[in-house]
Amino acid sequence: MAVDKGERTPILEEEGRLRQRNVPAWPKSRPESEIAKFPIEWNPELPYGGRVYLPRRKKPDPWWVIVIEVTVIFLTALFAYYAYYHFDHLHFHVAKGYAHLGYAAAQHQVGQKYLRGIGVEKDEHVAMEWFKKAADQGHPHASYNLAVGHLKKIRTDLVKKGEVHHLIQHAAKNGVKKANRVLHEVCTNGQCD
């Protein structure tokens, strides 16, 4: 809806109201009594009467906000130091958190960390417990590690009689190459029972 492009253009098309351009905000024909009501700085020739609205000066933050900001920055720097120089310890605790949530891959990782003593004190018995939890969920590498731990007599109370063969067979079916070798060399001799 275009109306005469010179002095008038539509504000909102659906209402059809028009805005006038080039019309001063303060007509010069005002009586002196009305102009006298405004402060001396008022200039009707300028937009907004010559007034410039400056932003207010921001109040400084209270002391407790500054303390929180400094604490957050300090803790971030401390965490960055810990993550860089003690990565194995951090990775162990993150993996253990996920392992407690029931993720089989994390349970296997925690078992590996305990088995090798990376990021935590070496404990083969606890490692076998984590391998058992992951193997119960069908993790093939954990099944293989649990079976080999049983064959090496690290911990024999976690696996029932005859279950070692099934664990190694499960690992071999799911792509663990060492499990194929153990299945053909050790289990064919009857040592997996």
Protein backbone atom coordinates (compact mmCIF):
# COMPACT_ATOMS: atom_id res chain seq x y z
CA MET A 1 0.00 0.00 0.00
CA ALA A 2 2.06 2.87 -1.23
CA VAL A 3 0.81 6.38 -0.97
CA ASP A 4 2.63 9.38 -2.37
CA LYS A 5 6.32 8.69 -1.64
CA GLY A 6 7.17 12.28 -0.78
CA GLU A 7 5.71 13.22 2.57
CA ARG A 8 3.67 10.24 3.76
CA THR A 9 4.43 6.51 4.12
CA PRO A 10 2.38 3.80 5.85
CA ILE A 11 3.33 2.66 9.35
CA LEU A 12 1.23 -0.48 9.47
CA GLU A 13 -0.41 -1.70 6.30
CA GLU A 14 -3.30 -3.46 7.99
CA GLU A 15 -4.37 -0.39 9.94
CA GLY A 16 -3.76 2.05 7.13
CA ARG A 17 -2.38 4.75 9.43
CA LEU A 18 0.18 7.06 7.89
CA ARG A 19 3.28 8.63 9.30
CA GLN A 20 4.27 12.05 8.15
CA ARG A 21 7.86 12.70 7.19
CA ASN A 22 9.71 15.98 7.22
CA VAL A 23 7.31 17.49 9.73
CA PRO A 24 9.25 19.02 12.63
CA ALA A 25 8.61 17.56 16.06
CA TRP A 26 8.09 21.07 17.44
CA PRO A 27 6.31 23.39 15.06
CA LYS A 28 7.78 26.89 14.96
CA SER A 29 4.36 28.43 15.30
CA ARG A 30 4.06 27.57 19.04
CA PRO A 31 3.31 30.47 21.31
CA GLU A 32 6.10 31.76 23.55
CA SER A 33 4.16 30.74 26.67
CA GLU A 34 4.38 27.06 25.71
CA ILE A 35 8.05 27.30 24.78
CA ALA A 36 8.81 28.98 28.11
CA LYS A 37 7.65 25.85 29.97
CA PHE A 38 10.69 23.91 28.76
CA PRO A 39 14.25 24.28 30.04
CA ILE A 40 16.69 26.68 28.41
CA GLU A 41 18.63 23.86 26.67
CA TRP A 42 15.53 22.94 24.73
CA ASN A 43 15.90 23.63 21.04
CA PRO A 44 12.82 22.90 18.94
CA GLU A 45 14.94 22.73 15.79
CA LEU A 46 16.76 19.57 16.94
CA PRO A 47 15.34 16.08 17.31
CA TYR A 48 14.31 15.32 20.89
CA GLY A 49 14.60 19.03 21.56
CA GLY A 50 18.39 18.92 21.58
CA ARG A 51 18.54 16.69 24.59
CA VAL A 52 20.98 13.83 24.47
CA TYR A 53 20.15 11.05 26.86
CA LEU A 54 23.42 9.69 28.15
CA PRO A 55 23.54 6.24 29.68
CA ARG A 56 23.75 6.11 33.41
CA ARG A 57 26.98 5.12 35.00
CA LYS A 58 26.91 1.46 36.03
CA LYS A 59 27.17 0.77 39.70
CA PRO A 60 30.19 -1.33 40.66
CA ASP A 61 29.55 -4.97 41.53
CA PRO A 62 29.19 -5.76 45.23
CA TRP A 63 32.13 -7.45 46.96
CA TRP A 64 30.46 -10.88 47.06
CA VAL A 65 30.03 -10.93 43.27
CA ILE A 66 33.73 -10.17 42.85
CA VAL A 67 34.60 -12.96 45.31
CA ILE A 68 32.46 -15.43 43.33
CA GLU A 69 34.05 -14.38 40.03
CA VAL A 70 37.59 -14.74 41.41
CA THR A 71 36.72 -18.12 42.95
CA VAL A 72 35.30 -19.42 39.65
CA ILE A 73 38.41 -18.30 37.75
CA PHE A 74 40.69 -19.88 40.37
CA LEU A 75 38.78 -23.18 40.33
CA THR A 76 38.83 -23.25 36.53
CA ALA A 77 42.61 -22.77 36.51
CA LEU A 78 43.00 -25.44 39.20
CA PHE A 79 40.88 -27.92 37.22
CA ALA A 80 42.89 -27.20 34.05
CA TYR A 81 46.11 -27.95 35.98
CA TYR A 82 44.63 -31.17 37.39
CA ALA A 83 43.33 -32.30 33.99
CA TYR A 84 46.69 -31.65 32.30
CA TYR A 85 49.11 -33.06 34.88
CA HIS A 86 46.94 -35.83 36.40
CA PHE A 87 45.01 -37.01 33.36
CA ASP A 88 45.09 -40.72 34.25
CA HIS A 89 43.63 -40.05 37.68
CA LEU A 90 40.92 -37.82 36.19
CA HIS A 91 40.11 -40.35 33.46
CA PHE A 92 39.83 -43.11 36.04
CA HIS A 93 37.30 -41.19 38.13
CA VAL A 94 35.24 -40.11 35.12
CA ALA A 95 35.16 -43.69 33.81
CA LYS A 96 34.26 -44.98 37.26
CA GLY A 97 31.34 -42.55 37.42
CA TYR A 98 30.01 -43.87 34.12
CA ALA A 99 30.71 -47.44 35.26
CA HIS A 100 28.50 -46.92 38.30
CA LEU A 101 25.78 -45.71 35.94
CA GLY A 102 25.96 -49.11 34.20
CA TYR A 103 27.88 -48.46 30.97
CA ALA A 104 29.64 -51.70 29.98
CA ALA A 105 32.51 -49.95 28.13
CA ALA A 106 33.22 -47.80 31.19
CA GLN A 107 33.13 -50.86 33.46
CA HIS A 108 35.68 -52.54 31.20
CA GLN A 109 37.88 -49.41 31.26
CA VAL A 110 37.77 -49.29 35.06
CA GLY A 111 38.73 -52.96 35.13
CA GLN A 112 41.69 -52.25 32.84
CA LYS A 113 42.78 -49.32 35.04
CA TYR A 114 42.69 -51.52 38.15
CA LEU A 115 44.42 -54.38 36.33
CA ARG A 116 47.32 -52.22 35.14
CA GLY A 117 47.40 -49.71 37.99
CA ILE A 118 46.88 -46.65 35.79
CA GLY A 119 45.48 -43.70 37.73
CA VAL A 120 44.76 -45.92 40.71
CA GLU A 121 46.56 -48.48 42.85
CA LYS A 122 46.88 -51.85 41.11
CA ASP A 123 44.30 -54.37 42.33
CA GLU A 124 43.63 -57.42 40.16
CA HIS A 125 40.80 -58.74 42.35
CA VAL A 126 38.78 -55.53 42.00
CA ALA A 127 39.58 -55.51 38.26
CA MET A 128 37.97 -58.93 37.91
CA GLU A 129 34.82 -57.66 39.64
CA TRP A 130 34.54 -54.84 37.09
CA PHE A 131 35.19 -57.28 34.23
CA LYS A 132 32.38 -59.46 35.61
CA LYS A 133 29.95 -56.51 35.62
CA ALA A 134 30.84 -55.63 32.02
CA ALA A 135 30.78 -59.28 30.89
CA ASP A 136 27.29 -59.70 32.34
CA GLN A 137 26.18 -56.95 29.94
CA GLY A 138 27.80 -58.73 26.98
CA HIS A 139 31.04 -56.75 26.59
CA PRO A 140 33.34 -59.10 24.57
CA HIS A 141 36.73 -57.82 25.81
CA ALA A 142 35.55 -57.94 29.41
CA SER A 143 34.36 -61.52 28.85
CA TYR A 144 37.79 -62.46 27.53
CA ASN A 145 39.62 -60.71 30.39
CA LEU A 146 37.38 -62.35 32.99
CA ALA A 147 37.95 -65.80 31.48
CA VAL A 148 41.73 -65.31 31.28
CA GLY A 149 41.76 -64.00 34.87
CA HIS A 150 39.95 -67.17 35.92
CA LEU A 151 42.42 -69.36 33.98
CA LYS A 152 45.36 -67.54 35.59
CA LYS A 153 43.69 -68.09 38.97
CA ILE A 154 43.53 -64.38 39.79
CA ARG A 155 39.97 -64.74 40.99
CA THR A 156 38.09 -68.00 40.60
CA ASP A 157 34.93 -67.29 42.60
CA LEU A 158 33.29 -65.04 39.98
CA VAL A 159 32.95 -67.60 37.20
CA LYS A 160 30.98 -70.82 37.52
CA LYS A 161 32.25 -74.14 36.26
CA GLY A 162 31.93 -74.41 32.47
CA GLU A 163 31.27 -70.68 32.05
CA VAL A 164 34.86 -69.89 30.98
CA HIS A 165 34.35 -71.67 27.67
CA HIS A 166 31.17 -69.66 26.99
CA LEU A 167 32.92 -66.38 27.87
CA ILE A 168 35.82 -67.06 25.50
CA GLN A 169 33.44 -68.25 22.79
CA HIS A 170 31.38 -65.05 23.17
CA ALA A 171 34.55 -62.94 22.88
CA ALA A 172 35.71 -64.88 19.81
CA LYS A 173 32.34 -64.43 18.08
CA ASN A 174 32.50 -60.67 18.69
CA GLY A 175 35.92 -60.07 17.14
CA VAL A 176 38.47 -60.52 19.93
CA LYS A 177 41.41 -62.10 18.06
CA LYS A 178 43.18 -63.41 21.16
CA ALA A 179 40.01 -65.23 22.15
CA ASN A 180 40.15 -67.28 18.93
CA ARG A 181 43.68 -68.38 19.74
CA VAL A 182 42.78 -69.28 23.35
CA LEU A 183 39.66 -71.08 22.16
CA HIS A 184 41.65 -73.26 19.74
CA GLU A 185 44.80 -73.80 21.82
CA VAL A 186 43.59 -73.93 25.42
CA CYS A 187 39.93 -74.89 25.32
CA THR A 188 40.44 -77.78 22.90
CA ASN A 189 42.73 -79.36 25.53
CA GLY A 190 39.92 -79.19 28.09
CA GLN A 191 41.54 -76.51 30.28
CA CYS A 192 38.57 -74.12 30.03
CA ASP A 193 36.30 -76.21 32.27
